[in-house]
């Protein structure tokens, strides 16, 4: 499982909030990512450009 951190405030979440990447899917060239907060209380669904623009990869958990 991959862990990402916010680069800047995004959709009401503060900078440096950590998220787990739960799933990623692709349909006709459009990628979507499902992320959950580290506390597993909130979920957001974003596209690839939002992921690249607003998130930083931190580490991978096995």
Protein backbone atom coordinates (compact mmCIF):
# COMPACT_ATOMS: atom_id res chain seq x y z
CA UNK A 1 0.00 0.00 0.00
CA UNK A 2 1.32 3.45 -0.90
CA UNK A 3 1.27 6.48 1.39
CA UNK A 4 0.92 10.02 0.01
CA UNK A 5 1.09 13.43 1.68
CA UNK A 6 -0.60 16.66 0.62
CA UNK A 7 1.67 19.34 -0.86
CA UNK A 8 -0.91 22.09 -0.20
CA UNK A 9 -4.42 22.44 1.19
CA UNK A 10 -6.85 20.42 -0.94
CA UNK A 11 -10.60 19.76 -0.63
CA UNK A 12 -10.68 20.87 3.00
CA UNK A 13 -7.65 18.81 4.08
CA UNK A 14 -4.59 20.53 5.53
CA UNK A 15 -1.11 20.48 4.01
CA UNK A 16 0.93 17.37 4.97
CA UNK A 17 -2.15 15.24 5.75
CA UNK A 18 -1.25 11.63 4.99
CA UNK A 19 -3.41 9.36 2.83
CA UNK A 20 -3.32 5.68 1.92
CA UNK A 21 -3.83 4.80 -1.74
CA UNK A 22 -6.65 2.24 -1.56
CA UNK A 23 -7.21 1.60 -5.26
CA UNK A 24 -6.53 2.91 -8.72
CA UNK A 25 -8.46 2.24 -11.89
CA UNK A 26 -8.34 3.22 -15.53
CA UNK A 27 -11.25 3.44 -17.94
CA UNK A 28 -10.71 4.67 -21.51
CA UNK A 29 -7.44 6.38 -20.57
CA UNK A 30 -8.80 8.18 -17.49
CA UNK A 31 -7.17 7.12 -14.23
CA UNK A 32 -8.96 7.46 -10.90
CA UNK A 33 -7.47 7.01 -7.47
CA UNK A 34 -9.23 6.30 -4.17
CA UNK A 35 -7.40 7.65 -1.13
CA UNK A 36 -8.28 7.35 2.56
CA UNK A 37 -6.93 9.41 5.42
CA UNK A 38 -4.42 7.74 7.68
CA UNK A 39 -7.14 7.43 10.35
CA UNK A 40 -9.31 5.64 7.71
CA UNK A 41 -12.22 8.00 8.46
CA UNK A 42 -12.53 9.90 5.16
CA UNK A 43 -12.28 8.92 1.50
CA UNK A 44 -11.62 11.01 -1.60
CA UNK A 45 -11.66 10.05 -5.27
CA UNK A 46 -9.34 12.01 -7.54
CA UNK A 47 -7.97 11.84 -11.07
CA UNK A 48 -4.33 11.48 -12.12
CA UNK A 49 -3.69 15.20 -12.64
CA UNK A 50 -5.00 16.03 -9.14
CA UNK A 51 -2.77 13.31 -7.65
CA UNK A 52 0.33 14.62 -9.40
CA UNK A 53 -0.44 18.26 -8.65
CA UNK A 54 -1.44 17.98 -4.98
CA UNK A 55 0.21 14.87 -3.52
CA UNK A 56 3.74 13.62 -2.82
CA UNK A 57 4.60 9.93 -2.61
CA UNK A 58 6.09 9.16 0.82
CA UNK A 59 6.60 5.41 1.14
CA UNK A 60 5.21 1.98 0.36
CA UNK A 61 3.92 -0.25 3.15
CA UNK A 62 3.96 -4.00 2.62
